[in-house]
Amino acid sequence: MRVAIGCDHAGFELKEAVKGFLQAENSEVLDVGTHTTDPVDYSDFAAAVGEALRGRRAERGIILCGSGVGVSMAANRMPGIRAGLCHDTYSAHQGVEHDDMNILTLGARVIGSEPAYECALAFLGARFVAEERYIRRLEKVEEMERSHV
């Protein structure tokens, strides 16, 4: 699976660690930046990961900032993006299975590297359960997206 990964300056060190971990697990990783700890705007990198998914250059995405909240809010402004902030494995896999989450967001100042690795594996290993109730709920979310543009 090809994974797009991005971060702001606060998420840089954990992004590098997660990227290395995923590469060691044989995931193909598309790193859209940032590539230093110099201050940048989280929204730029949330957009870059979202565009990688929308452009089919990646199947899933992971975005990091200090809390994970900013990148989650920014990514969810993009049509077709379903980003979820997760700091536990249950939320990471359940978000995919029930909500078809396609971007995992993590707070680098909230979660350590080992839990981040576990969340990433749970997220990437999960598949959407295409049961009628989950499809119905997603269709309602997509209608909200269309009607509020």
N, C-alpha and C. Protein backbone atom coordinates (compact mmCIF):
# COMPACT_ATOMS: atom_id res chain seq x y z
N MET A 1 0.84 -1.17 0.00
CA MET A 1 0.00 0.00 0.00
C MET A 1 0.89 1.24 0.00
N ARG A 2 0.55 2.19 -0.83
CA ARG A 2 1.29 3.45 -0.88
C ARG A 2 0.64 4.45 0.08
N VAL A 3 1.46 4.99 0.96
CA VAL A 3 1.00 5.90 2.01
C VAL A 3 1.65 7.27 1.83
N ALA A 4 0.83 8.31 1.75
CA ALA A 4 1.36 9.68 1.74
C ALA A 4 1.50 10.12 3.19
N ILE A 5 2.60 10.75 3.52
CA ILE A 5 2.83 11.21 4.89
C ILE A 5 3.32 12.65 4.85
N GLY A 6 2.80 13.44 5.77
CA GLY A 6 3.21 14.83 5.85
C GLY A 6 3.06 15.35 7.26
N CYS A 7 3.67 16.52 7.50
CA CYS A 7 3.64 17.08 8.85
C CYS A 7 4.01 18.56 8.80
N ASP A 8 3.77 19.22 9.91
CA ASP A 8 4.34 20.55 10.11
C ASP A 8 5.62 20.38 10.93
N HIS A 9 6.21 21.49 11.33
CA HIS A 9 7.47 21.44 12.08
C HIS A 9 7.35 20.67 13.40
N ALA A 10 6.20 20.78 14.07
CA ALA A 10 6.02 20.09 15.35
C ALA A 10 5.95 18.58 15.17
N GLY A 11 5.51 18.13 14.01
CA GLY A 11 5.39 16.71 13.77
C GLY A 11 6.57 16.09 13.04
N PHE A 12 7.57 16.91 12.71
CA PHE A 12 8.67 16.43 11.86
C PHE A 12 9.39 15.21 12.42
N GLU A 13 9.83 15.25 13.66
CA GLU A 13 10.61 14.14 14.21
C GLU A 13 9.81 12.84 14.26
N LEU A 14 8.55 12.93 14.67
CA LEU A 14 7.73 11.72 14.71
C LEU A 14 7.39 11.25 13.30
N LYS A 15 7.19 12.18 12.37
CA LYS A 15 6.95 11.78 10.97
C LYS A 15 8.12 10.96 10.45
N GLU A 16 9.33 11.43 10.71
CA GLU A 16 10.52 10.71 10.25
C GLU A 16 10.57 9.31 10.85
N ALA A 17 10.23 9.20 12.12
CA ALA A 17 10.24 7.89 12.79
C ALA A 17 9.17 6.97 12.21
N VAL A 18 7.96 7.49 12.03
CA VAL A 18 6.86 6.69 11.47
C VAL A 18 7.19 6.28 10.04
N LYS A 19 7.74 7.20 9.26
CA LYS A 19 8.12 6.90 7.88
C LYS A 19 9.14 5.75 7.85
N GLY A 20 10.16 5.84 8.66
CA GLY A 20 11.16 4.77 8.72
C GLY A 20 10.57 3.44 9.13
N PHE A 21 9.69 3.48 10.12
CA PHE A 21 9.02 2.27 10.58
C PHE A 21 8.20 1.65 9.45
N LEU A 22 7.42 2.46 8.75
CA LEU A 22 6.58 1.94 7.67
C LEU A 22 7.42 1.38 6.53
N GLN A 23 8.51 2.04 6.21
CA GLN A 23 9.39 1.52 5.16
C GLN A 23 9.99 0.18 5.57
N ALA A 24 10.33 0.04 6.84
CA ALA A 24 10.85 -1.24 7.35
C ALA A 24 9.77 -2.33 7.30
N GLU A 25 8.51 -1.92 7.35
CA GLU A 25 7.38 -2.86 7.25
C GLU A 25 6.96 -3.09 5.80
N ASN A 26 7.77 -2.58 4.87
CA ASN A 26 7.55 -2.75 3.43
C ASN A 26 6.39 -1.94 2.85
N SER A 27 6.04 -0.84 3.50
CA SER A 27 5.07 0.09 2.91
C SER A 27 5.83 1.06 2.02
N GLU A 28 5.20 1.43 0.93
CA GLU A 28 5.76 2.46 0.05
C GLU A 28 5.28 3.80 0.59
N VAL A 29 6.21 4.70 0.89
CA VAL A 29 5.87 5.96 1.55
C VAL A 29 6.20 7.14 0.64
N LEU A 30 5.21 8.00 0.44
CA LEU A 30 5.37 9.24 -0.30
C LEU A 30 5.43 10.37 0.72
N ASP A 31 6.59 10.93 0.92
CA ASP A 31 6.80 11.98 1.91
C ASP A 31 6.60 13.34 1.24
N VAL A 32 5.54 14.05 1.64
CA VAL A 32 5.23 15.36 1.04
C VAL A 32 5.74 16.52 1.89
N GLY A 33 6.52 16.23 2.93
CA GLY A 33 7.11 17.28 3.75
C GLY A 33 6.33 17.51 5.02
N THR A 34 6.80 18.40 5.77
CA THR A 34 7.97 19.22 5.69
C THR A 34 9.20 18.38 5.94
N HIS A 35 10.35 18.95 5.62
CA HIS A 35 11.59 18.18 5.73
C HIS A 35 12.57 18.75 6.74
N THR A 36 12.10 19.70 7.56
CA THR A 36 12.92 20.30 8.61
C THR A 36 12.03 20.68 9.78
N THR A 37 12.65 21.19 10.83
CA THR A 37 11.88 21.69 11.97
C THR A 37 11.65 23.19 11.88
N ASP A 38 11.95 23.80 10.74
CA ASP A 38 11.67 25.23 10.56
C ASP A 38 10.16 25.43 10.56
N PRO A 39 9.67 26.50 11.20
CA PRO A 39 8.22 26.72 11.29
C PRO A 39 7.54 26.81 9.92
N VAL A 40 6.44 26.08 9.79
CA VAL A 40 5.61 26.05 8.59
C VAL A 40 4.14 25.98 9.02
N ASP A 41 3.24 26.12 8.07
CA ASP A 41 1.81 26.05 8.36
C ASP A 41 1.30 24.63 8.12
N TYR A 42 0.66 24.08 9.13
CA TYR A 42 0.17 22.70 9.05
C TYR A 42 -0.80 22.50 7.90
N SER A 43 -1.58 23.52 7.57
CA SER A 43 -2.59 23.37 6.52
C SER A 43 -1.97 23.04 5.16
N ASP A 44 -0.77 23.55 4.90
CA ASP A 44 -0.12 23.27 3.62
C ASP A 44 0.18 21.78 3.46
N PHE A 45 0.54 21.13 4.54
CA PHE A 45 0.92 19.72 4.46
C PHE A 45 -0.29 18.81 4.57
N ALA A 46 -1.34 19.27 5.24
CA ALA A 46 -2.61 18.54 5.21
C ALA A 46 -3.14 18.53 3.78
N ALA A 47 -3.04 19.67 3.11
CA ALA A 47 -3.48 19.76 1.70
C ALA A 47 -2.64 18.86 0.81
N ALA A 48 -1.34 18.82 1.04
CA ALA A 48 -0.46 18.00 0.20
C ALA A 48 -0.80 16.52 0.33
N VAL A 49 -1.06 16.05 1.53
CA VAL A 49 -1.43 14.64 1.72
C VAL A 49 -2.81 14.40 1.10
N GLY A 50 -3.75 15.29 1.34
CA GLY A 50 -5.08 15.14 0.74
C GLY A 50 -5.03 15.09 -0.77
N GLU A 51 -4.24 15.96 -1.37
CA GLU A 51 -4.11 15.97 -2.83
C GLU A 51 -3.45 14.70 -3.35
N ALA A 52 -2.53 14.13 -2.58
CA ALA A 52 -1.92 12.87 -2.99
C ALA A 52 -2.98 11.77 -3.06
N LEU A 53 -3.91 11.75 -2.12
CA LEU A 53 -4.99 10.77 -2.15
C LEU A 53 -5.96 11.06 -3.28
N ARG A 54 -6.36 12.31 -3.39
CA ARG A 54 -7.33 12.70 -4.43
C ARG A 54 -6.75 12.46 -5.83
N GLY A 55 -5.44 12.62 -5.98
CA GLY A 55 -4.78 12.39 -7.26
C GLY A 55 -4.35 10.95 -7.47
N ARG A 56 -4.72 10.09 -6.54
CA ARG A 56 -4.43 8.65 -6.62
C ARG A 56 -2.93 8.33 -6.64
N ARG A 57 -2.13 9.22 -6.02
CA ARG A 57 -0.71 8.94 -5.88
C ARG A 57 -0.46 8.14 -4.61
N ALA A 58 -1.48 8.01 -3.77
CA ALA A 58 -1.41 7.21 -2.54
C ALA A 58 -2.81 6.71 -2.23
N GLU A 59 -2.86 5.59 -1.49
CA GLU A 59 -4.13 4.99 -1.11
C GLU A 59 -4.62 5.46 0.26
N ARG A 60 -3.67 5.78 1.12
CA ARG A 60 -3.99 6.28 2.47
C ARG A 60 -2.99 7.37 2.81
N GLY A 61 -3.32 8.12 3.87
CA GLY A 61 -2.42 9.18 4.30
C GLY A 61 -2.28 9.23 5.80
N ILE A 62 -1.17 9.78 6.24
CA ILE A 62 -0.90 10.03 7.65
C ILE A 62 -0.35 11.45 7.74
N ILE A 63 -0.95 12.26 8.62
CA ILE A 63 -0.51 13.64 8.80
C ILE A 63 -0.28 13.88 10.29
N LEU A 64 0.81 14.59 10.60
CA LEU A 64 1.16 14.88 11.99
C LEU A 64 1.34 16.38 12.20
N CYS A 65 0.90 16.84 13.35
CA CYS A 65 1.22 18.18 13.84
C CYS A 65 1.36 18.04 15.35
N GLY A 66 1.44 19.13 16.07
CA GLY A 66 1.64 19.04 17.51
C GLY A 66 0.55 18.26 18.21
N SER A 67 -0.71 18.64 17.96
CA SER A 67 -1.84 17.98 18.62
C SER A 67 -2.55 16.97 17.73
N GLY A 68 -2.42 17.12 16.42
CA GLY A 68 -3.17 16.32 15.46
C GLY A 68 -4.50 16.95 15.10
N VAL A 69 -4.92 17.93 15.87
CA VAL A 69 -6.23 18.56 15.65
C VAL A 69 -6.21 19.45 14.41
N GLY A 70 -5.21 20.31 14.28
CA GLY A 70 -5.16 21.24 13.16
C GLY A 70 -5.14 20.53 11.82
N VAL A 71 -4.28 19.52 11.68
CA VAL A 71 -4.19 18.81 10.40
C VAL A 71 -5.48 18.03 10.11
N SER A 72 -6.14 17.55 11.15
CA SER A 72 -7.40 16.85 10.96
C SER A 72 -8.47 17.82 10.45
N MET A 73 -8.55 18.98 11.08
CA MET A 73 -9.53 19.98 10.64
C MET A 73 -9.26 20.41 9.21
N ALA A 74 -8.01 20.67 8.88
CA ALA A 74 -7.66 21.13 7.54
C ALA A 74 -7.96 20.06 6.49
N ALA A 75 -7.53 18.84 6.73
CA ALA A 75 -7.73 17.76 5.76
C ALA A 75 -9.21 17.51 5.51
N ASN A 76 -10.02 17.59 6.55
CA ASN A 76 -11.44 17.31 6.40
C ASN A 76 -12.20 18.38 5.62
N ARG A 77 -11.54 19.45 5.27
CA ARG A 77 -12.16 20.48 4.41
C ARG A 77 -12.13 20.07 2.95
N MET A 78 -11.37 19.04 2.62
CA MET A 78 -11.19 18.62 1.24
C MET A 78 -12.22 17.55 0.87
N PRO A 79 -12.92 17.73 -0.24
CA PRO A 79 -13.89 16.71 -0.66
C PRO A 79 -13.22 15.35 -0.82
N GLY A 80 -13.89 14.33 -0.31
CA GLY A 80 -13.39 12.97 -0.44
C GLY A 80 -12.40 12.55 0.63
N ILE A 81 -12.02 13.47 1.48
CA ILE A 81 -11.07 13.15 2.54
C ILE A 81 -11.84 12.91 3.84
N ARG A 82 -11.47 11.82 4.51
CA ARG A 82 -12.07 11.46 5.79
C ARG A 82 -10.93 11.21 6.76
N ALA A 83 -10.51 12.28 7.42
CA ALA A 83 -9.37 12.21 8.34
C ALA A 83 -9.87 12.04 9.76
N GLY A 84 -9.15 11.22 10.52
CA GLY A 84 -9.51 11.00 11.91
C GLY A 84 -8.28 11.08 12.80
N LEU A 85 -8.43 11.80 13.90
CA LEU A 85 -7.38 11.92 14.90
C LEU A 85 -7.47 10.71 15.82
N CYS A 86 -6.40 9.91 15.87
CA CYS A 86 -6.40 8.69 16.67
C CYS A 86 -5.09 8.59 17.45
N HIS A 87 -5.23 8.22 18.71
CA HIS A 87 -4.05 7.96 19.53
C HIS A 87 -4.14 6.58 20.17
N ASP A 88 -5.05 5.74 19.64
CA ASP A 88 -5.18 4.37 20.12
C ASP A 88 -5.51 3.48 18.93
N THR A 89 -5.17 2.21 19.03
CA THR A 89 -5.34 1.30 17.90
C THR A 89 -6.81 1.00 17.59
N TYR A 90 -7.67 1.00 18.60
CA TYR A 90 -9.09 0.73 18.33
C TYR A 90 -9.65 1.79 17.39
N SER A 91 -9.44 3.05 17.71
CA SER A 91 -9.95 4.13 16.87
C SER A 91 -9.33 4.08 15.48
N ALA A 92 -8.06 3.73 15.42
CA ALA A 92 -7.35 3.70 14.13
C ALA A 92 -7.92 2.65 13.19
N HIS A 93 -8.26 1.47 13.70
CA HIS A 93 -8.83 0.46 12.79
C HIS A 93 -10.33 0.63 12.64
N GLN A 94 -11.02 1.00 13.70
CA GLN A 94 -12.47 1.17 13.62
C GLN A 94 -12.84 2.33 12.71
N GLY A 95 -12.03 3.38 12.68
CA GLY A 95 -12.28 4.51 11.80
C GLY A 95 -12.27 4.11 10.33
N VAL A 96 -11.45 3.14 9.99
CA VAL A 96 -11.43 2.62 8.62
C VAL A 96 -12.60 1.66 8.41
N GLU A 97 -12.78 0.73 9.33
CA GLU A 97 -13.78 -0.33 9.16
C GLU A 97 -15.20 0.22 9.08
N HIS A 98 -15.54 1.21 9.90
CA HIS A 98 -16.91 1.71 9.95
C HIS A 98 -17.10 3.03 9.23
N ASP A 99 -16.06 3.85 9.13
CA ASP A 99 -16.20 5.20 8.60
C ASP A 99 -15.40 5.45 7.33
N ASP A 100 -14.71 4.44 6.84
CA ASP A 100 -13.90 4.53 5.64
C ASP A 100 -12.88 5.67 5.72
N MET A 101 -12.30 5.84 6.90
CA MET A 101 -11.27 6.86 7.12
C MET A 101 -10.11 6.59 6.18
N ASN A 102 -9.65 7.65 5.49
CA ASN A 102 -8.52 7.45 4.58
C ASN A 102 -7.27 8.22 4.98
N ILE A 103 -7.37 9.04 6.03
CA ILE A 103 -6.19 9.72 6.58
C ILE A 103 -6.21 9.58 8.10
N LEU A 104 -5.09 9.15 8.63
CA LEU A 104 -4.86 9.08 10.07
C LEU A 104 -4.10 10.33 10.46
N THR A 105 -4.59 11.05 11.47
CA THR A 105 -3.82 12.17 11.99
C THR A 105 -3.34 11.85 13.39
N LEU A 106 -2.13 12.30 13.68
CA LEU A 106 -1.49 12.03 14.95
C LEU A 106 -0.93 13.31 15.55
N GLY A 107 -0.99 13.42 16.86
CA GLY A 107 -0.41 14.55 17.58
C GLY A 107 0.96 14.18 18.10
N ALA A 108 1.99 14.78 17.53
CA ALA A 108 3.36 14.43 17.91
C ALA A 108 3.69 14.83 19.34
N ARG A 109 2.97 15.80 19.89
CA ARG A 109 3.21 16.21 21.28
C ARG A 109 2.31 15.45 22.24
N VAL A 110 1.53 14.50 21.71
CA VAL A 110 0.57 13.75 22.50
C VAL A 110 0.95 12.28 22.58
N ILE A 111 1.46 11.74 21.49
CA ILE A 111 1.69 10.30 21.38
C ILE A 111 3.18 10.03 21.17
N GLY A 112 3.66 8.95 21.71
CA GLY A 112 5.05 8.54 21.52
C GLY A 112 5.22 7.72 20.26
N SER A 113 6.44 7.39 19.94
CA SER A 113 6.71 6.68 18.69
C SER A 113 6.11 5.28 18.67
N GLU A 114 6.24 4.51 19.74
CA GLU A 114 5.70 3.14 19.73
C GLU A 114 4.18 3.13 19.55
N PRO A 115 3.41 3.92 20.32
CA PRO A 115 1.97 3.96 20.06
C PRO A 115 1.64 4.47 18.65
N ALA A 116 2.44 5.40 18.14
CA ALA A 116 2.22 5.90 16.78
C ALA A 116 2.41 4.78 15.76
N TYR A 117 3.43 3.96 15.93
CA TYR A 117 3.66 2.82 15.03
C TYR A 117 2.46 1.87 15.08
N GLU A 118 2.00 1.58 16.30
CA GLU A 118 0.87 0.66 16.46
C GLU A 118 -0.39 1.21 15.81
N CYS A 119 -0.62 2.52 15.97
CA CYS A 119 -1.79 3.15 15.33
C CYS A 119 -1.67 3.09 13.81
N ALA A 120 -0.49 3.36 13.30
CA ALA A 120 -0.28 3.33 11.86
C ALA A 120 -0.54 1.92 11.31
N LEU A 121 -0.04 0.90 11.98
CA LEU A 121 -0.27 -0.47 11.53
C LEU A 121 -1.75 -0.85 11.59
N ALA A 122 -2.43 -0.45 12.66
CA ALA A 122 -3.87 -0.73 12.78
C ALA A 122 -4.65 -0.04 11.67
N PHE A 123 -4.30 1.21 11.38
CA PHE A 123 -4.94 1.99 10.32
C PHE A 123 -4.71 1.36 8.95
N LEU A 124 -3.46 1.04 8.65
CA LEU A 124 -3.13 0.51 7.33
C LEU A 124 -3.61 -0.92 7.13
N GLY A 125 -3.74 -1.66 8.21
CA GLY A 125 -4.19 -3.05 8.11
C GLY A 125 -5.70 -3.22 8.05
N ALA A 126 -6.43 -2.16 8.33
CA ALA A 126 -7.89 -2.24 8.38
C ALA A 126 -8.50 -2.03 6.99
N ARG A 127 -9.67 -2.59 6.78
CA ARG A 127 -10.42 -2.43 5.54
C ARG A 127 -11.86 -2.03 5.86
N PHE A 128 -12.44 -1.22 5.01
CA PHE A 128 -13.82 -0.79 5.18
C PHE A 128 -14.76 -1.98 5.11
N VAL A 129 -15.68 -2.06 6.06
CA VAL A 129 -16.69 -3.11 6.10
C VAL A 129 -17.91 -2.53 5.38
N ALA A 130 -18.13 -2.96 4.16
CA ALA A 130 -19.16 -2.35 3.32
C ALA A 130 -20.56 -2.86 3.64
N GLU A 131 -20.93 -2.80 4.91
CA GLU A 131 -22.28 -3.18 5.31
C GLU A 131 -23.22 -2.01 5.01
N GLU A 132 -24.48 -2.31 4.83
CA GLU A 132 -25.48 -1.31 4.44
C GLU A 132 -25.49 -0.12 5.39
N ARG A 133 -25.42 -0.37 6.68
CA ARG A 133 -25.51 0.74 7.65
C ARG A 133 -24.31 1.68 7.54
N TYR A 134 -23.13 1.17 7.27
CA TYR A 134 -21.95 2.02 7.13
C TYR A 134 -21.99 2.78 5.81
N ILE A 135 -22.45 2.12 4.77
CA ILE A 135 -22.59 2.80 3.48
C ILE A 135 -23.62 3.91 3.59
N ARG A 136 -24.75 3.65 4.22
CA ARG A 136 -25.81 4.65 4.40
C ARG A 136 -25.27 5.87 5.14
N ARG A 137 -24.51 5.64 6.19
CA ARG A 137 -23.97 6.74 6.98
C ARG A 137 -22.98 7.57 6.16
N LEU A 138 -22.13 6.89 5.40
CA LEU A 138 -21.18 7.61 4.55
C LEU A 138 -21.88 8.42 3.48
N GLU A 139 -22.95 7.88 2.91
CA GLU A 139 -23.71 8.63 1.91
C GLU A 139 -24.28 9.90 2.52
N LYS A 140 -24.71 9.86 3.76
CA LYS A 140 -25.22 11.06 4.43
C LYS A 140 -24.11 12.09 4.63
N VAL A 141 -22.93 11.62 4.99
CA VAL A 141 -21.79 12.53 5.15
C VAL A 141 -21.43 13.15 3.80
N GLU A 142 -21.42 12.35 2.76
CA GLU A 142 -21.10 12.87 1.43
C GLU A 142 -22.15 13.89 0.97
N GLU A 143 -23.40 13.66 1.31
CA GLU A 143 -24.46 14.64 0.97
C GLU A 143 -24.23 15.94 1.73
N MET A 144 -23.83 15.85 2.98
CA MET A 144 -23.50 17.08 3.74
C MET A 144 -22.38 17.84 3.05
N GLU A 145 -21.38 17.11 2.58
CA GLU A 145 -20.25 17.70 1.90
C GLU A 145 -20.69 18.45 0.63
N ARG A 146 -21.56 17.81 -0.16
CA ARG A 146 -22.05 18.42 -1.40
C ARG A 146 -22.95 19.61 -1.14
N SER A 147 -23.79 19.54 -0.14
CA SER A 147 -24.77 20.60 0.09
C SER A 147 -24.20 21.83 0.81
N HIS A 148 -22.98 21.73 1.31
CA HIS A 148 -22.36 22.86 2.02
C HIS A 148 -21.15 23.42 1.29
N VAL A 149 -21.08 23.19 0.00
CA VAL A 149 -19.94 23.69 -0.76
C VAL A 149 -20.16 25.14 -1.14
